[in-house]
Protein backbone atom coordinates (compact mmCIF):
# COMPACT_ATOMS: atom_id res chain seq x y z
CA MET A 1 -0.87 -13.64 -14.42
CA VAL A 2 -2.43 -13.97 -10.99
CA ALA A 3 -6.10 -14.36 -10.01
CA HIS A 4 -7.25 -10.86 -9.20
CA MET A 5 -8.79 -9.87 -5.87
CA ILE A 6 -8.59 -6.16 -6.70
CA PRO A 7 -11.58 -4.86 -8.66
CA LYS A 8 -11.04 -2.85 -11.83
CA TRP A 9 -11.21 0.93 -11.80
CA ASN A 10 -14.75 2.24 -12.14
CA MET A 11 -15.94 5.02 -14.48
CA GLU A 12 -14.44 7.65 -12.13
CA GLY A 13 -11.03 5.97 -12.42
CA VAL A 14 -10.95 4.73 -8.82
CA LEU A 15 -11.26 1.35 -7.14
CA PRO A 16 -14.89 1.00 -6.09
CA PRO A 17 -15.40 1.17 -2.31
CA ILE A 18 -17.56 -1.98 -2.44
CA TRP A 19 -17.05 -4.86 -4.87
CA PRO A 20 -19.17 -4.23 -7.99
CA GLY A 21 -22.59 -5.87 -7.76
CA GLU A 22 -22.44 -6.31 -3.97
CA ASP A 23 -24.94 -4.58 -1.70
CA GLY A 24 -23.98 -1.72 0.58
CA VAL A 25 -23.54 -3.87 3.69
CA SER A 26 -21.35 -6.48 1.98
CA GLN A 27 -18.10 -7.45 3.68
CA ASN A 28 -16.54 -7.65 0.19
CA ARG A 29 -15.24 -4.10 0.31
CA SER A 30 -12.23 -1.89 0.72
CA PRO A 31 -9.58 -2.35 1.89
CA TYR A 32 -9.29 -5.18 -0.62
CA PRO A 33 -7.00 -7.98 0.60
CA SER A 34 -4.32 -8.64 -1.97
CA THR A 35 -0.71 -9.69 -2.49
CA THR A 36 2.24 -7.68 -3.69
CA THR A 37 2.34 -9.92 -6.76
CA GLU A 38 -1.21 -8.95 -7.64
CA VAL A 39 -0.51 -5.26 -6.99
CA VAL A 40 2.43 -5.44 -9.40
CA ASP A 41 0.43 -7.41 -11.96
CA VAL A 42 -2.50 -4.96 -11.88
CA PHE A 43 -0.72 -1.61 -11.56
CA ALA A 44 2.58 -2.04 -13.49
CA THR A 45 1.22 -0.34 -16.59
CA SER A 46 3.82 2.36 -17.31
CA VAL A 47 7.47 3.20 -16.76
CA ASP A 48 6.52 5.61 -13.96
CA ARG A 49 4.38 2.98 -12.23
CA LEU A 50 7.17 0.39 -12.57
CA ALA A 51 9.56 2.77 -10.78
CA ILE A 52 7.06 3.36 -7.96
CA LEU A 53 6.47 -0.38 -7.57
CA GLN A 54 10.22 -1.00 -7.46
CA GLY A 55 10.44 1.63 -4.73
CA LEU A 56 7.61 -0.02 -2.80
CA LEU A 57 9.31 -3.43 -2.95
CA ASP A 58 12.67 -1.89 -1.97
CA TYR A 59 10.99 -0.10 0.93
CA ARG A 60 9.38 -3.31 2.12
CA GLN A 61 12.77 -5.03 1.92
CA ALA A 62 14.25 -2.27 4.10
CA LEU A 63 11.48 -2.91 6.64
CA TYR A 64 12.30 -6.63 6.65
CA THR A 65 15.99 -5.87 7.10
CA ALA A 66 15.08 -3.76 10.13
CA GLY A 67 13.18 -6.74 11.56
CA ILE A 68 9.69 -5.51 10.68
CA VAL A 69 8.12 -8.63 9.17
CA ASP A 70 4.86 -8.98 11.10
CA GLY A 71 1.95 -6.86 9.92
CA PHE A 72 0.31 -5.43 6.85
CA GLN A 73 0.09 -2.28 4.76
CA TRP A 74 -2.72 -0.21 3.35
CA LEU A 75 -1.88 1.07 -0.16
CA ASP A 76 -3.55 4.13 -1.61
CA GLY A 77 -3.06 7.52 -3.21
CA SER A 78 -3.14 8.53 -6.82
CA PHE A 79 -1.14 5.40 -7.59
CA MET A 80 -4.29 3.35 -6.94
CA GLU A 81 -6.30 5.54 -9.34
CA ASP A 82 -6.33 5.89 -13.12
CA VAL A 83 -4.84 9.37 -12.97
CA GLU A 84 -3.30 8.94 -16.41
CA SER A 85 -6.74 8.88 -18.07
CA HIS A 86 -8.63 11.13 -15.65
CA GLN A 87 -6.01 13.76 -14.79
CA GLY A 88 -3.55 13.50 -17.67
CA ARG A 89 -0.57 12.73 -15.43
CA SER A 90 1.36 9.88 -13.90
CA PRO A 91 1.28 9.13 -10.17
CA GLN A 92 4.32 10.47 -8.31
CA ASP A 93 4.35 8.00 -5.41
CA ILE A 94 2.26 5.49 -3.50
CA ASP A 95 0.69 6.21 -0.11
CA VAL A 96 1.38 3.48 2.47
CA VAL A 97 0.37 2.99 6.08
CA THR A 98 2.36 0.17 7.64
CA TYR A 99 0.68 -1.57 10.57
CA PHE A 100 3.39 -3.63 12.22
CA GLY A 101 4.19 -5.67 15.28
CA ILE A 102 7.31 -4.87 17.28
CA PRO A 103 9.80 -7.75 16.89
CA VAL A 104 10.54 -9.79 20.01
CA GLY A 105 13.29 -8.18 22.06
CA GLU A 106 12.81 -4.79 20.41
CA THR A 107 10.96 -1.60 21.22
CA GLN A 108 9.84 1.24 18.99
CA ARG A 109 12.86 3.17 20.22
CA THR A 110 15.43 0.44 19.41
CA ILE A 111 14.00 -0.07 15.93
CA ALA A 112 14.03 3.68 15.29
CA GLN A 113 17.62 3.93 16.56
CA LYS A 114 18.80 1.11 14.29
CA SER A 115 16.93 2.34 11.22
CA PRO A 116 16.10 6.02 11.72
CA HIS A 117 15.81 6.67 7.99
CA LEU A 118 12.83 4.28 7.73
CA PHE A 119 10.85 6.57 10.01
CA ASN A 120 11.93 9.76 8.23
CA HIS A 121 8.96 10.57 6.01
CA GLY A 122 10.87 12.83 3.62
CA TRP A 123 13.79 10.42 3.24
CA VAL A 124 11.49 7.45 2.51
CA LYS A 125 9.50 9.45 -0.02
CA ALA A 126 12.62 10.67 -1.83
CA LYS A 127 14.37 7.27 -1.85
CA TYR A 128 11.45 4.90 -2.43
CA LYS A 129 8.60 7.02 -3.87
CA VAL A 130 6.56 5.91 -0.83
CA ASP A 131 4.50 8.41 1.15
CA SER A 132 4.93 6.47 4.40
CA TYR A 133 3.07 6.35 7.69
CA TYR A 134 3.17 3.87 10.59
CA GLU A 135 0.92 2.36 13.21
CA VAL A 136 2.07 -0.18 15.82
CA LEU A 137 0.06 -3.36 16.35
CA GLY A 138 -0.14 -5.37 19.56
CA GLU A 139 -0.74 -2.52 21.98
CA ALA A 140 -3.83 -2.44 24.19
CA PHE A 141 -6.60 -1.01 22.02
CA ALA A 142 -7.32 2.49 23.24
CA GLU A 143 -9.32 5.52 22.10
CA ARG A 144 -6.30 6.91 20.24
CA HIS A 145 -6.22 3.73 18.10
CA VAL A 146 -9.87 4.17 17.17
CA LEU A 147 -9.18 7.78 16.22
CA LYS A 148 -6.18 6.83 14.05
CA LEU A 149 -8.05 4.03 12.29
CA SER A 150 -11.00 6.35 11.70
CA TYR A 151 -8.66 9.01 10.36
CA TRP A 152 -6.96 6.72 7.83
CA TYR A 153 -10.18 5.07 6.70
CA SER A 154 -12.00 8.36 6.25
CA MET A 155 -9.02 9.95 4.44
CA TRP A 156 -8.61 7.01 2.11
CA SER A 157 -12.25 6.29 1.36
CA HIS A 158 -12.49 9.46 -0.77
CA ASN A 159 -10.18 11.12 -3.25
CA ARG A 160 -9.48 14.85 -3.48
CA ASN A 161 -12.64 15.31 -5.55
CA GLN A 162 -14.68 13.69 -2.73
CA THR A 163 -15.36 10.61 -4.88
CA TRP A 164 -15.93 7.45 -2.83
CA LYS A 165 -13.17 4.97 -3.53
CA GLY A 166 -11.43 1.86 -2.32
CA PHE A 167 -7.86 0.93 -1.46
CA VAL A 168 -5.78 -2.23 -0.99
CA ARG A 169 -4.34 -4.22 1.92
CA VAL A 170 -1.22 -6.40 1.58
CA ASN A 171 0.51 -8.45 4.26
CA LEU A 172 4.17 -7.99 5.03
CA ASP A 173 5.65 -11.12 3.47
CA PRO A 174 9.26 -11.38 2.20
CA THR A 175 8.57 -14.60 0.29
CA GLU A 176 5.60 -13.09 -1.55
CA ASP A 177 7.65 -10.00 -2.36
CA ALA A 178 10.27 -12.18 -4.09
CA PHE A 179 7.53 -13.41 -6.46
CA ALA A 180 6.31 -9.84 -6.94
CA LEU A 181 9.83 -8.75 -7.88
CA GLN A 182 9.97 -11.46 -10.55
CA VAL A 183 6.65 -10.25 -11.99
CA LEU A 184 7.90 -6.66 -11.90
CA GLN A 185 11.07 -7.64 -13.77
CA SER A 186 9.02 -9.51 -16.39
CA LYS A 187 6.89 -6.38 -16.93
CA ARG A 188 10.05 -4.39 -17.69
CA VAL A 189 10.99 -6.61 -20.58
CA GLY A 190 7.47 -6.58 -21.98
CA PRO A 191 5.08 -9.35 -22.96
């Protein structure tokens, strides 16, 4: 077990947008910083969730193989909600926005040419159960960046029922993912 930085689902079956008990201006809010090990430990509660988490870890490994190791991801979607109890279904995938730095000596074009499948939304979703999106870090901050950040935050701060909710942030980190994979494998064999 890991020390949890992700709050428990609230009565609506979502992560609260602000840590329970904190005031409305608290910095202790979504997106909650976490690790892939904690995400696995908290959300690996069913066979369907185990498969999605395996896909997420495999997807992250594919990013590392392509040279994308600097950055972080926002994790959201029905996977981050208690849809089993509140909607009577399992999540189908996990929503992920990857914010990444371009590796030294590369460009967006060279990365996309070497690993075009990683930027093919439909392919990634079918192979990894990851509803994937990307944003590049390290560029001069411009109005379009503000608009994209505002878009993602506003989309992910509510669910389809317009309930305020939170989501999770994890760093890209191959070493951490190796620990997360061990936790995932231990969840498959049961306690």
